[in-house]
PDB file of N, CA and C in Angstrom:
ATOM      1  N   MET A   1      19.409   4.701   7.317  1.00  0.00           N
ATOM      2  CA  MET A   1      17.882   5.605   6.863  1.00  0.00           C
ATOM      3  C   MET A   1      18.546   5.469   5.514  1.00  0.00           C
ATOM      4  N   ARG A   2      16.688   4.853   4.402  1.00  0.00           N
ATOM      5  CA  ARG A   2      16.555   5.401   3.499  1.00  0.00           C
ATOM      6  C   ARG A   2      15.916   6.242   2.839  1.00  0.00           C
ATOM      7  N   SER A   3      16.050   7.054   1.614  1.00  0.00           N
ATOM      8  CA  SER A   3      15.461   8.143   1.407  1.00  0.00           C
ATOM      9  C   SER A   3      14.064   8.046   1.170  1.00  0.00           C
ATOM     10  N   ASP A   4      13.444   9.829   1.862  1.00  0.00           N
ATOM     11  CA  ASP A   4      11.930   9.561   0.454  1.00  0.00           C
ATOM     12  C   ASP A   4      12.305   9.001  -0.140  1.00  0.00           C
ATOM     13  N   GLU A   5      12.126   9.242  -1.234  1.00  0.00           N
ATOM     14  CA  GLU A   5      12.392   8.935  -3.142  1.00  0.00           C
ATOM     15  C   GLU A   5      12.451   7.356  -2.728  1.00  0.00           C
ATOM     16  N   ALA A   6      13.291   6.633  -1.660  1.00  0.00           N
ATOM     17  CA  ALA A   6      13.122   4.986  -1.917  1.00  0.00           C
ATOM     18  C   ALA A   6      12.699   4.366  -1.520  1.00  0.00           C
ATOM     19  N   LEU A   7      11.830   5.042  -0.518  1.00  0.00           N
ATOM     20  CA  LEU A   7      10.648   5.078   0.551  1.00  0.00           C
ATOM     21  C   LEU A   7       9.351   4.669  -0.182  1.00  0.00           C
ATOM     22  N   LEU A   8       9.521   5.693  -1.519  1.00  0.00           N
ATOM     23  CA  LEU A   8       8.122   5.693  -1.847  1.00  0.00           C
ATOM     24  C   LEU A   8       8.405   5.495  -3.401  1.00  0.00           C
ATOM     25  N   LEU A   9       9.201   5.021  -3.196  1.00  0.00           N
ATOM     26  CA  LEU A   9       8.635   3.848  -4.839  1.00  0.00           C
ATOM     27  C   LEU A   9       8.583   2.276  -3.970  1.00  0.00           C
ATOM     28  N   GLU A  10       9.033   2.269  -3.089  1.00  0.00           N
ATOM     29  CA  GLU A  10       8.876   0.878  -2.313  1.00  0.00           C
ATOM     30  C   GLU A  10       7.520   1.135  -2.248  1.00  0.00           C
ATOM     31  N   MET A  11       6.978   2.328  -1.619  1.00  0.00           N
ATOM     32  CA  MET A  11       4.854   2.438  -1.732  1.00  0.00           C
ATOM     33  C   MET A  11       5.056   1.959  -3.424  1.00  0.00           C
ATOM     34  N   VAL A  12       5.546   1.747  -4.032  1.00  0.00           N
ATOM     35  CA  VAL A  12       4.708   2.315  -5.274  1.00  0.00           C
ATOM     36  C   VAL A  12       4.597   0.564  -6.119  1.00  0.00           C
ATOM     37  N   ILE A  13       5.807   0.322  -5.364  1.00  0.00           N
ATOM     38  CA  ILE A  13       6.463  -1.236  -6.473  1.00  0.00           C
ATOM     39  C   ILE A  13       4.959  -2.315  -4.977  1.00  0.00           C
ATOM     40  N   ALA A  14       4.420  -1.815  -3.851  1.00  0.00           N
ATOM     41  CA  ALA A  14       3.784  -2.472  -2.785  1.00  0.00           C
ATOM     42  C   ALA A  14       2.695  -1.979  -3.551  1.00  0.00           C
ATOM     43  N   LEU A  15       2.224  -1.403  -4.007  1.00  0.00           N
ATOM     44  CA  LEU A  15       1.228  -0.975  -4.295  1.00  0.00           C
ATOM     45  C   LEU A  15       0.518  -1.701  -5.875  1.00  0.00           C
ATOM     46  N   GLN A  16       1.507  -1.640  -6.157  1.00  0.00           N
ATOM     47  CA  GLN A  16       1.213  -2.255  -8.191  1.00  0.00           C
ATOM     48  C   GLN A  16       1.478  -4.069  -8.182  1.00  0.00           C
ATOM     49  N   LYS A  17       2.471  -4.672  -6.914  1.00  0.00           N
ATOM     50  CA  LYS A  17       1.924  -6.097  -6.256  1.00  0.00           C
ATOM     51  C   LYS A  17       0.680  -6.341  -5.232  1.00  0.00           C
ATOM     52  N   ILE A  18       0.241  -5.366  -5.307  1.00  0.00           N
ATOM     53  CA  ILE A  18      -1.177  -6.192  -4.514  1.00  0.00           C
ATOM     54  C   ILE A  18      -2.303  -5.736  -6.496  1.00  0.00           C
ATOM     55  N   SER A  19      -1.763  -4.688  -6.629  1.00  0.00           N
ATOM     56  CA  SER A  19      -3.038  -5.057  -7.868  1.00  0.00           C
ATOM     57  C   SER A  19      -3.073  -5.809  -8.726  1.00  0.00           C
ATOM     58  N   ARG A  20      -1.590  -6.453  -8.728  1.00  0.00           N
ATOM     59  CA  ARG A  20      -1.160  -7.484  -9.836  1.00  0.00           C
ATOM     60  C   ARG A  20      -2.169  -8.018  -9.135  1.00  0.00           C
ATOM     61  N   PHE A  21      -1.524  -8.773  -7.808  1.00  0.00           N
ATOM     62  CA  PHE A  21      -2.304 -10.169  -7.204  1.00  0.00           C
ATOM     63  C   PHE A  21      -3.602 -10.481  -6.336  1.00  0.00           C
ATOM     64  N   THR A  22      -3.885  -8.976  -7.085  1.00  0.00           N
ATOM     65  CA  THR A  22      -5.952  -9.218  -7.392  1.00  0.00           C
ATOM     66  C   THR A  22      -6.434  -9.179  -8.681  1.00  0.00           C
ATOM     67  N   GLN A  23      -5.867  -8.910  -9.824  1.00  0.00           N
ATOM     68  CA  GLN A  23      -6.417  -8.212 -11.015  1.00  0.00           C
ATOM     69  C   GLN A  23      -7.120  -9.544 -11.424  1.00  0.00           C
ATOM     70  N   GLY A  24      -7.844 -10.039 -11.948  1.00  0.00           N
ATOM     71  CA  GLY A  24      -9.219 -10.399 -12.489  1.00  0.00           C
ATOM     72  C   GLY A  24      -9.926 -11.650 -10.884  1.00  0.00           C
ATOM     73  N   LEU A  25      -9.682 -10.811  -9.600  1.00  0.00           N
ATOM     74  CA  LEU A  25     -10.233 -11.583  -9.019  1.00  0.00           C
ATOM     75  C   LEU A  25     -12.118 -11.275  -8.094  1.00  0.00           C
ATOM     76  N   ASN A  26     -12.683 -11.594  -8.131  1.00  0.00           N
ATOM     77  CA  ASN A  26     -13.782 -10.941  -7.179  1.00  0.00           C
ATOM     78  C   ASN A  26     -13.703 -11.710  -6.132  1.00  0.00           C
ATOM     79  N   GLU A  27     -14.543 -10.557  -4.551  1.00  0.00           N
ATOM     80  CA  GLU A  27     -14.436 -10.365  -3.539  1.00  0.00           C
ATOM     81  C   GLU A  27     -14.658 -12.302  -2.426  1.00  0.00           C
ATOM     82  N   ALA A  28     -15.540 -12.679  -3.092  1.00  0.00           N
ATOM     83  CA  ALA A  28     -15.682 -14.396  -3.120  1.00  0.00           C
ATOM     84  C   ALA A  28     -14.079 -15.243  -3.259  1.00  0.00           C
ATOM     85  N   MET A  29     -13.622 -15.055  -5.032  1.00  0.00           N
ATOM     86  CA  MET A  29     -12.810 -15.809  -4.312  1.00  0.00           C
ATOM     87  C   MET A  29     -10.950 -14.761  -4.134  1.00  0.00           C
ATOM     88  N   PHE A  30     -10.776 -13.611  -3.334  1.00  0.00           N
ATOM     89  CA  PHE A  30     -10.389 -13.043  -2.508  1.00  0.00           C
ATOM     90  C   PHE A  30     -10.256 -14.117  -1.500  1.00  0.00           C
ATOM     91  N   LEU A  31     -11.968 -13.960  -0.849  1.00  0.00           N
ATOM     92  CA  LEU A  31     -11.765 -14.272   0.902  1.00  0.00           C
ATOM     93  C   LEU A  31     -11.637 -15.353   1.363  1.00  0.00           C
ATOM     94  N   THR A  32     -11.630 -16.618  -0.487  1.00  0.00           N
ATOM     95  CA  THR A  32     -11.070 -18.166  -0.464  1.00  0.00           C
ATOM     96  C   THR A  32      -9.759 -18.417  -0.291  1.00  0.00           C
ATOM     97  N   ASN A  33      -9.451 -17.294  -0.510  1.00  0.00           N
ATOM     98  CA  ASN A  33      -7.361 -18.075  -0.776  1.00  0.00           C
ATOM     99  C   ASN A  33      -6.788 -17.004  -0.219  1.00  0.00           C
ATOM    100  N   ASP A  34      -5.906 -17.961   0.594  1.00  0.00           N
ATOM    101  CA  ASP A  34      -5.686 -17.770   1.625  1.00  0.00           C
ATOM    102  C   ASP A  34      -4.048 -17.371   0.842  1.00  0.00           C
ATOM    103  N   LEU A  35      -3.155 -18.054  -0.583  1.00  0.00           N
ATOM    104  CA  LEU A  35      -2.419 -17.730  -0.478  1.00  0.00           C
ATOM    105  C   LEU A  35      -2.061 -15.870  -0.973  1.00  0.00           C
ATOM    106  N   VAL A  36      -3.585 -15.625  -1.801  1.00  0.00           N
ATOM    107  CA  VAL A  36      -2.882 -13.826  -2.263  1.00  0.00           C
ATOM    108  C   VAL A  36      -3.401 -13.452  -0.984  1.00  0.00           C
ATOM    109  N   GLN A  37      -4.326 -14.124  -0.421  1.00  0.00           N
ATOM    110  CA  GLN A  37      -4.507 -13.411   0.867  1.00  0.00           C
ATOM    111  C   GLN A  37      -2.808 -12.579   2.325  1.00  0.00           C
ATOM    112  N   SER A  38      -2.885 -13.657   2.130  1.00  0.00           N
ATOM    113  CA  SER A  38      -1.188 -13.449   2.692  1.00  0.00           C
ATOM    114  C   SER A  38      -0.066 -12.555   1.575  1.00  0.00           C
ATOM    115  N   ALA A  39      -0.113 -12.915   0.536  1.00  0.00           N
ATOM    116  CA  ALA A  39       1.008 -12.109  -0.158  1.00  0.00           C
ATOM    117  C   ALA A  39       0.475 -10.630  -0.238  1.00  0.00           C
ATOM    118  N   VAL A  40      -1.207 -10.376  -0.308  1.00  0.00           N
ATOM    119  CA  VAL A  40      -1.655  -8.957  -0.072  1.00  0.00           C
ATOM    120  C   VAL A  40      -1.411  -8.429   0.746  1.00  0.00           C
ATOM    121  N   ILE A  41      -1.271  -8.707   2.379  1.00  0.00           N
ATOM    122  CA  ILE A  41      -0.813  -8.783   3.948  1.00  0.00           C
ATOM    123  C   ILE A  41       0.410  -8.115   3.480  1.00  0.00           C
ATOM    124  N   ARG A  42       0.755  -8.855   2.764  1.00  0.00           N
ATOM    125  CA  ARG A  42       2.171  -9.098   2.786  1.00  0.00           C
ATOM    126  C   ARG A  42       3.548  -7.439   2.456  1.00  0.00           C
ATOM    127  N   GLU A  43       2.469  -6.898   1.635  1.00  0.00           N
ATOM    128  CA  GLU A  43       2.630  -6.019   0.947  1.00  0.00           C
ATOM    129  C   GLU A  43       1.758  -4.351   1.124  1.00  0.00           C
ATOM    130  N   PHE A  44       0.777  -4.678   2.024  1.00  0.00           N
ATOM    131  CA  PHE A  44       0.416  -4.071   2.828  1.00  0.00           C
ATOM    132  C   PHE A  44       1.048  -3.266   3.924  1.00  0.00           C
ATOM    133  N   GLN A  45       1.664  -3.815   4.748  1.00  0.00           N
ATOM    134  CA  GLN A  45       3.007  -4.570   5.352  1.00  0.00           C
ATOM    135  C   GLN A  45       3.907  -3.837   5.192  1.00  0.00           C
ATOM    136  N   ILE A  46       4.030  -3.712   3.959  1.00  0.00           N
ATOM    137  CA  ILE A  46       5.217  -2.268   3.734  1.00  0.00           C
ATOM    138  C   ILE A  46       5.211  -1.414   2.772  1.00  0.00           C
ATOM    139  N   LEU A  47       3.839  -1.546   2.129  1.00  0.00           N
ATOM    140  CA  LEU A  47       3.552   0.317   1.841  1.00  0.00           C
ATOM    141  C   LEU A  47       3.184   0.973   3.157  1.00  0.00           C
ATOM    142  N   ASP A  48       3.017  -0.006   3.799  1.00  0.00           N
ATOM    143  CA  ASP A  48       2.320   1.080   5.422  1.00  0.00           C
ATOM    144  C   ASP A  48       4.109   1.403   6.337  1.00  0.00           C
ATOM    145  N   GLU A  49       4.579  -0.118   6.573  1.00  0.00           N
ATOM    146  CA  GLU A  49       5.774   0.527   7.220  1.00  0.00           C
ATOM    147  C   GLU A  49       7.229   1.096   6.112  1.00  0.00           C
ATOM    148  N   ALA A  50       7.376   1.084   5.006  1.00  0.00           N
ATOM    149  CA  ALA A  50       7.734   2.579   4.020  1.00  0.00           C
ATOM    150  C   ALA A  50       6.666   3.916   4.565  1.00  0.00           C
ATOM    151  N   ALA A  51       5.640   3.917   4.381  1.00  0.00           N
ATOM    152  CA  ALA A  51       4.545   4.900   5.329  1.00  0.00           C
ATOM    153  C   ALA A  51       5.144   5.501   6.821  1.00  0.00           C
ATOM    154  N   ARG A  52       5.540   5.288   7.621  1.00  0.00           N
ATOM    155  CA  ARG A  52       5.801   5.061   8.488  1.00  0.00           C
ATOM    156  C   ARG A  52       7.271   5.727   8.650  1.00  0.00           C
ATOM    157  N   LEU A  53       7.370   5.849   7.326  1.00  0.00           N
ATOM    158  CA  LEU A  53       9.174   5.713   7.855  1.00  0.00           C
ATOM    159  C   LEU A  53       9.728   6.914   6.897  1.00  0.00           C
ATOM    160  N   VAL A  54       8.519   7.629   6.276  1.00  0.00           N
ATOM    161  CA  VAL A  54       9.005   8.621   5.166  1.00  0.00           C
ATOM    162  C   VAL A  54       8.808  10.112   6.363  1.00  0.00           C
ATOM    163  N   SER A  55       9.296  10.813   6.001  1.00  0.00           N
ATOM    164  CA  SER A  55       9.896  11.938   6.870  1.00  0.00           C
ATOM    165  C   SER A  55       8.627  13.004   6.712  1.00  0.00           C
ATOM    166  N   GLU A  56       8.543  14.097   8.140  1.00  0.00           N
ATOM    167  CA  GLU A  56       7.678  14.446   8.488  1.00  0.00           C
ATOM    168  C   GLU A  56       7.101  16.118   7.366  1.00  0.00           C
ATOM    169  N   GLU A  57       8.442  16.175   7.028  1.00  0.00           N
ATOM    170  CA  GLU A  57       8.658  16.915   5.965  1.00  0.00           C
ATOM    171  C   GLU A  57       8.207  17.028   4.179  1.00  0.00           C
ATOM    172  N   THR A  58       8.543  15.289   4.323  1.00  0.00           N
ATOM    173  CA  THR A  58       7.650  14.784   2.706  1.00  0.00           C
ATOM    174  C   THR A  58       5.906  14.710   2.830  1.00  0.00           C
ATOM    175  N   LYS A  59       6.139  13.934   4.113  1.00  0.00           N
ATOM    176  CA  LYS A  59       4.474  14.300   4.836  1.00  0.00           C
ATOM    177  C   LYS A  59       3.715  15.978   4.204  1.00  0.00           C
ATOM    178  N   ALA A  60       4.543  16.115   4.397  1.00  0.00           N
ATOM    179  CA  ALA A  60       3.972  18.201   5.191  1.00  0.00           C
ATOM    180  C   ALA A  60       3.350  18.502   3.560  1.00  0.00           C
ATOM    181  N   ARG A  61       4.833  17.978   2.898  1.00  0.00           N
ATOM    182  CA  ARG A  61       4.640  18.344   1.565  1.00  0.00           C
ATOM    183  C   ARG A  61       3.453  17.939   0.652  1.00  0.00           C
ATOM    184  N   THR A  62       3.590  17.271   0.686  1.00  0.00           N
ATOM    185  CA  THR A  62       2.076  15.851   0.217  1.00  0.00           C
ATOM    186  C   THR A  62       0.532  15.538   0.929  1.00  0.00           C
ATOM    187  N   PRO A  63       0.025  16.538   1.248  1.00  0.00           N
ATOM    188  CA  PRO A  63      -0.985  16.290   2.796  1.00  0.00           C
ATOM    189  C   PRO A  63      -2.223  15.793   1.745  1.00  0.00           C
ATOM    190  N   THR A  64      -2.236  15.591   0.263  1.00  0.00           N
ATOM    191  CA  THR A  64      -3.525  14.817  -0.077  1.00  0.00           C
ATOM    192  C   THR A  64      -3.937  13.362   0.166  1.00  0.00           C
ATOM    193  N   ILE A  65      -2.105  12.722   0.319  1.00  0.00           N
ATOM    194  CA  ILE A  65      -1.292  11.244   0.894  1.00  0.00           C
ATOM    195  C   ILE A  65      -2.635  11.049   1.925  1.00  0.00           C
ATOM    196  N   PRO A  66      -2.876  10.167   2.265  1.00  0.00           N
ATOM    197  CA  PRO A  66      -3.963   9.778   3.709  1.00  0.00           C
ATOM    198  C   PRO A  66      -2.698   9.397   4.378  1.00  0.00           C
ATOM    199  N   TRP A  67      -1.346   9.593   4.969  1.00  0.00           N
ATOM    200  CA  TRP A  67      -0.293   8.646   5.936  1.00  0.00           C
ATOM    201  C   TRP A  67      -1.237   8.638   7.006  1.00  0.00           C
ATOM    202  N   LYS A  68      -1.173   8.397   7.945  1.00  0.00           N
ATOM    203  CA  LYS A  68      -2.254   8.369   9.475  1.00  0.00           C
ATOM    204  C   LYS A  68      -2.862   7.548   8.494  1.00  0.00           C
ATOM    205  N   LEU A  69      -3.550   6.936   7.792  1.00  0.00           N
ATOM    206  CA  LEU A  69      -4.811   5.704   7.010  1.00  0.00           C
ATOM    207  C   LEU A  69      -3.538   4.917   6.937  1.00  0.00           C
ATOM    208  N   ILE A  70      -2.939   5.482   6.701  1.00  0.00           N
ATOM    209  CA  ILE A  70      -2.272   3.997   5.748  1.00  0.00           C
ATOM    210  C   ILE A  70      -1.087   3.566   6.637  1.00  0.00           C
ATOM    211  N   THR A  71      -0.751   4.359   7.687  1.00  0.00           N
ATOM    212  CA  THR A  71      -0.491   3.628   8.854  1.00  0.00           C
ATOM    213  C   THR A  71      -0.853   2.274   9.694  1.00  0.00           C
ATOM    214  N   GLY A  72      -2.363   3.550  10.466  1.00  0.00           N
ATOM    215  CA  GLY A  72      -3.345   2.793  10.815  1.00  0.00           C
ATOM    216  C   GLY A  72      -3.281   1.376  10.284  1.00  0.00           C
ATOM    217  N   MET A  73      -3.464   1.056   9.197  1.00  0.00           N
ATOM    218  CA  MET A  73      -3.414  -0.214   8.607  1.00  0.00           C
ATOM    219  C   MET A  73      -2.294  -0.997   8.754  1.00  0.00           C
ATOM    220  N   ARG A  74      -0.977  -0.505   9.364  1.00  0.00           N
ATOM    221  CA  ARG A  74      -0.262  -1.006   9.246  1.00  0.00           C
ATOM    222  C   ARG A  74      -0.196  -1.811  11.039  1.00  0.00           C
ATOM    223  N   ASN A  75      -0.477  -1.050  11.665  1.00  0.00           N
ATOM    224  CA  ASN A  75      -0.633  -1.318  12.977  1.00  0.00           C
ATOM    225  C   ASN A  75      -1.887  -1.868  12.756  1.00  0.00           C
ATOM    226  N   ARG A  76      -2.949  -2.289  12.406  1.00  0.00           N
ATOM    227  CA  ARG A  76      -4.155  -3.250  12.203  1.00  0.00           C
ATOM    228  C   ARG A  76      -3.290  -4.792  12.157  1.00  0.00           C
ATOM    229  N   LEU A  77      -2.706  -4.489  11.111  1.00  0.00           N
ATOM    230  CA  LEU A  77      -2.135  -5.899   9.954  1.00  0.00           C
ATOM    231  C   LEU A  77      -0.734  -6.133  11.135  1.00  0.00           C
ATOM    232  N   ILE A  78      -0.403  -5.599  11.442  1.00  0.00           N
ATOM    233  CA  ILE A  78       0.715  -6.236  12.553  1.00  0.00           C
ATOM    234  C   ILE A  78       0.699  -6.612  14.059  1.00  0.00           C
ATOM    235  N   HIS A  79      -0.110  -5.777  14.617  1.00  0.00           N
ATOM    236  CA  HIS A  79      -0.934  -6.010  15.417  1.00  0.00           C
ATOM    237  C   HIS A  79      -1.895  -6.782  16.131  1.00  0.00           C
ATOM    238  N   GLU A  80      -2.615  -6.757  15.563  1.00  0.00           N
ATOM    239  CA  GLU A  80      -3.770  -7.575  15.472  1.00  0.00           C
ATOM    240  C   GLU A  80      -4.525  -8.659  13.645  1.00  0.00           C
ATOM    241  N   TYR A  81      -3.293  -9.493  13.968  1.00  0.00           N
ATOM    242  CA  TYR A  81      -3.690  -9.932  12.884  1.00  0.00           C
ATOM    243  C   TYR A  81      -4.490 -11.108  12.579  1.00  0.00           C
ATOM    244  N   PHE A  82      -4.961 -11.527  13.685  1.00  0.00           N
ATOM    245  CA  PHE A  82      -5.988 -11.755  14.639  1.00  0.00           C
ATOM    246  C   PHE A  82      -7.398 -11.773  14.221  1.00  0.00           C
ATOM    247  N   ASP A  83      -7.415 -10.081  13.781  1.00  0.00           N
ATOM    248  CA  ASP A  83      -8.319  -9.400  14.265  1.00  0.00           C
ATOM    249  C   ASP A  83      -8.986  -8.566  12.759  1.00  0.00           C
ATOM    250  N   VAL A  84      -7.574  -9.111  11.300  1.00  0.00           N
ATOM    251  CA  VAL A  84      -8.554  -8.451  10.453  1.00  0.00           C
ATOM    252  C   VAL A  84      -9.851  -8.900   9.596  1.00  0.00           C
ATOM    253  N   ARG A  85      -9.876  -7.845   9.086  1.00  0.00           N
ATOM    254  CA  ARG A  85     -10.937  -8.067   8.580  1.00  0.00           C
ATOM    255  C   ARG A  85     -11.035  -8.223   6.900  1.00  0.00           C
ATOM    256  N   LEU A  86     -11.310  -9.586   5.832  1.00  0.00           N
ATOM    257  CA  LEU A  86      -9.934  -9.127   4.840  1.00  0.00           C
ATOM    258  C   LEU A  86     -11.418  -8.732   4.395  1.00  0.00           C
ATOM    259  N   ASP A  87     -12.790  -9.149   4.116  1.00  0.00           N
ATOM    260  CA  ASP A  87     -14.085  -7.601   3.243  1.00  0.00           C
ATOM    261  C   ASP A  87     -13.444  -6.805   3.460  1.00  0.00           C
ATOM    262  N   VAL A  88     -12.921  -6.044   4.462  1.00  0.00           N
ATOM    263  CA  VAL A  88     -12.468  -4.257   4.820  1.00  0.00           C
ATOM    264  C   VAL A  88     -11.068  -4.411   3.896  1.00  0.00           C
ATOM    265  N   LEU A  89     -10.177  -5.460   4.189  1.00  0.00           N
ATOM    266  CA  LEU A  89      -9.289  -5.536   2.982  1.00  0.00           C
ATOM    267  C   LEU A  89      -9.668  -5.036   1.521  1.00  0.00           C
ATOM    268  N   TRP A  90     -10.111  -6.248   0.947  1.00  0.00           N
ATOM    269  CA  TRP A  90     -11.309  -6.400  -0.480  1.00  0.00           C
ATOM    270  C   TRP A  90     -11.478  -4.692  -0.393  1.00  0.00           C
ATOM    271  N   THR A  91     -12.113  -4.058  -0.250  1.00  0.00           N
ATOM    272  CA  THR A  91     -12.659  -2.953   0.200  1.00  0.00           C
ATOM    273  C   THR A  91     -11.833  -1.955  -0.306  1.00  0.00           C
ATOM    274  N   THR A  92     -10.622  -2.229   0.769  1.00  0.00           N
ATOM    275  CA  THR A  92      -9.914  -1.023   0.362  1.00  0.00           C
ATOM    276  C   THR A  92      -8.615  -1.133  -1.285  1.00  0.00           C
ATOM    277  N   ILE A  93      -9.332  -2.455  -1.816  1.00  0.00           N
ATOM    278  CA  ILE A  93      -8.138  -2.378  -2.335  1.00  0.00           C
ATOM    279  C   ILE A  93      -9.165  -2.125  -3.508  1.00  0.00           C
ATOM    280  N   GLN A  94      -9.669  -2.449  -4.035  1.00  0.00           N
ATOM    281  CA  GLN A  94     -10.854  -2.119  -4.468  1.00  0.00           C
ATOM    282  C   GLN A  94     -11.253  -0.085  -4.835  1.00  0.00           C
ATOM    283  N   ARG A  95     -11.433   0.035  -3.489  1.00  0.00           N
ATOM    284  CA  ARG A  95     -11.599   1.027  -3.140  1.00  0.00           C
ATOM    285  C   ARG A  95     -10.667   2.732  -3.317  1.00  0.00           C
ATOM    286  N   ASP A  96      -9.900   2.439  -2.716  1.00  0.00           N
ATOM    287  CA  ASP A  96      -9.186   3.127  -1.990  1.00  0.00           C
ATOM    288  C   ASP A  96      -7.701   3.254  -3.176  1.00  0.00           C
ATOM    289  N   LEU A  97      -6.893   1.991  -3.052  1.00  0.00           N
ATOM    290  CA  LEU A  97      -5.456   1.821  -3.642  1.00  0.00           C
ATOM    291  C   LEU A  97      -5.652   2.332  -5.009  1.00  0.00           C
ATOM    292  N   PRO A  98      -6.751   2.379  -5.886  1.00  0.00           N
ATOM    293  CA  PRO A  98      -6.243   3.416  -7.524  1.00  0.00           C
ATOM    294  C   PRO A  98      -5.852   4.029  -7.139  1.00  0.00           C
ATOM    295  N   HIS A  99      -6.667   4.982  -6.766  1.00  0.00           N
ATOM    296  CA  HIS A  99      -6.710   6.704  -6.613  1.00  0.00           C
ATOM    297  C   HIS A  99      -5.042   6.637  -5.623  1.00  0.00           C
ATOM    298  N   LEU A 100      -4.924   6.096  -4.425  1.00  0.00           N
ATOM    299  CA  LEU A 100      -3.260   5.852  -4.061  1.00  0.00           C
ATOM    300  C   LEU A 100      -2.150   5.915  -4.610  1.00  0.00           C
ATOM    301  N   SER A 101      -2.085   5.094  -5.638  1.00  0.00           N
ATOM    302  CA  SER A 101      -1.717   4.617  -6.817  1.00  0.00           C
ATOM    303  C   SER A 101      -1.380   5.826  -7.602  1.00  0.00           C
ATOM    304  N   ILE A 102      -2.190   6.261  -8.580  1.00  0.00           N
ATOM    305  CA  ILE A 102      -2.478   7.722  -8.996  1.00  0.00           C
ATOM    306  C   ILE A 102      -1.449   8.601  -8.567  1.00  0.00           C
ATOM    307  N   GLN A 103      -1.703   8.443  -6.784  1.00  0.00           N
ATOM    308  CA  GLN A 103      -0.995  10.511  -6.222  1.00  0.00           C
ATOM    309  C   GLN A 103       0.181   9.812  -5.916  1.00  0.00           C
ATOM    310  N   MET A 104       0.699   7.891  -5.039  1.00  0.00           N
ATOM    311  CA  MET A 104       1.826   8.278  -5.134  1.00  0.00           C
ATOM    312  C   MET A 104       2.842   8.485  -6.673  1.00  0.00           C
ATOM    313  N   ILE A 105       2.553   7.988  -7.391  1.00  0.00           N
ATOM    314  CA  ILE A 105       3.090   7.668  -8.731  1.00  0.00           C
ATOM    315  C   ILE A 105       3.750   9.480  -8.824  1.00  0.00           C
ATOM    316  N   ALA A 106       2.757  10.136  -9.224  1.00  0.00           N
ATOM    317  CA  ALA A 106       2.295  11.431  -9.022  1.00  0.00           C
ATOM    318  C   ALA A 106       3.710  12.592  -8.535  1.00  0.00           C
ATOM    319  N   ILE A 107       3.906  11.767  -6.980  1.00  0.00           N
ATOM    320  CA  ILE A 107       5.370  12.898  -6.054  1.00  0.00           C
ATOM    321  C   ILE A 107       6.083  11.923  -6.414  1.00  0.00           C
ATOM    322  N   LEU A 108       6.975  10.876  -7.117  1.00  0.00           N
ATOM    323  CA  LEU A 108       7.402  10.334  -6.961  1.00  0.00           C
ATOM    324  C   LEU A 108       8.865  11.512  -8.691  1.00  0.00           C
ATOM    325  N   PRO A 109       9.629  11.250  -7.438  1.00  0.00           N
ATOM    326  CA  PRO A 109      10.975  11.991  -8.950  1.00  0.00           C
ATOM    327  C   PRO A 109      10.289  10.563 -10.299  1.00  0.00           C
ATOM    328  N   SER A 110      10.761  11.821 -11.038  1.00  0.00           N
ATOM    329  CA  SER A 110      10.595  11.238 -12.178  1.00  0.00           C
ATOM    330  C   SER A 110      11.216   9.943 -12.697  1.00  0.00           C
ATOM    331  N   HIS A 111      12.687  10.231 -12.295  1.00  0.00           N
ATOM    332  CA  HIS A 111      13.436   9.048 -12.698  1.00  0.00           C
ATOM    333  C   HIS A 111      13.126   7.624 -12.031  1.00  0.00           C
ATOM    334  N   ALA A 112      12.423   8.075 -10.330  1.00  0.00           N
ATOM    335  CA  ALA A 112      12.721   6.754 -10.429  1.00  0.00           C
ATOM    336  C   ALA A 112      10.982   5.843 -10.466  1.00  0.00           C
ATOM    337  N   SER A 113      10.609   6.772 -11.055  1.00  0.00           N
ATOM    338  CA  SER A 113       9.416   5.632 -12.081  1.00  0.00           C
ATOM    339  C   SER A 113       9.697   4.660 -13.519  1.00  0.00           C
ATOM    340  N   ASP A 114      10.295   5.678 -13.680  1.00  0.00           N
ATOM    341  CA  ASP A 114      10.907   4.634 -14.809  1.00  0.00           C
ATOM    342  C   ASP A 114      11.550   2.994 -14.871  1.00  0.00           C
ATOM    343  N   ASN A 115      11.937   3.487 -12.862  1.00  0.00           N
ATOM    344  CA  ASN A 115      12.474   1.881 -13.006  1.00  0.00           C
ATOM    345  C   ASN A 115      11.583   0.955 -12.909  1.00  0.00           C
ATOM    346  N   GLU A 116      10.770   1.445 -13.263  1.00  0.00           N
ATOM    347  CA  GLU A 116       9.540  -0.040 -12.385  1.00  0.00           C
ATOM    348  C   GLU A 116       8.294  -0.260 -14.468  1.00  0.00           C
ATOM    349  N   SER A 117       8.997   0.883 -15.018  1.00  0.00           N
ATOM    350  CA  SER A 117       8.303   0.721 -16.492  1.00  0.00           C
ATOM    351  C   SER A 117       8.406  -0.382 -17.209  1.00  0.00           C
TER     352      SER A 117
END
């Protein structure tokens, strides 16, 4: 079983990849680029699966992280993939992920975030 520290780091890495994959794109570009969509959805799956595996103790210590929303996204992407609304995914990327990235980096043990610099 992976440690919470490793899972949190995986979440930060997934968030950074989503940001990198969508950098410089607008919504129309995202909605017409199935390669980027596939890459982003995969990173969301990693983000969400790692969040699902984080211990209840860590989740309780970090109540500002929207754990249930994150894992809810996973369930939608994995089990209802034919009904994924790409416009909603884009809005989530633009509106929610920058703040979530800041939150996640803030709860990482200091030496873990140094590995990604």
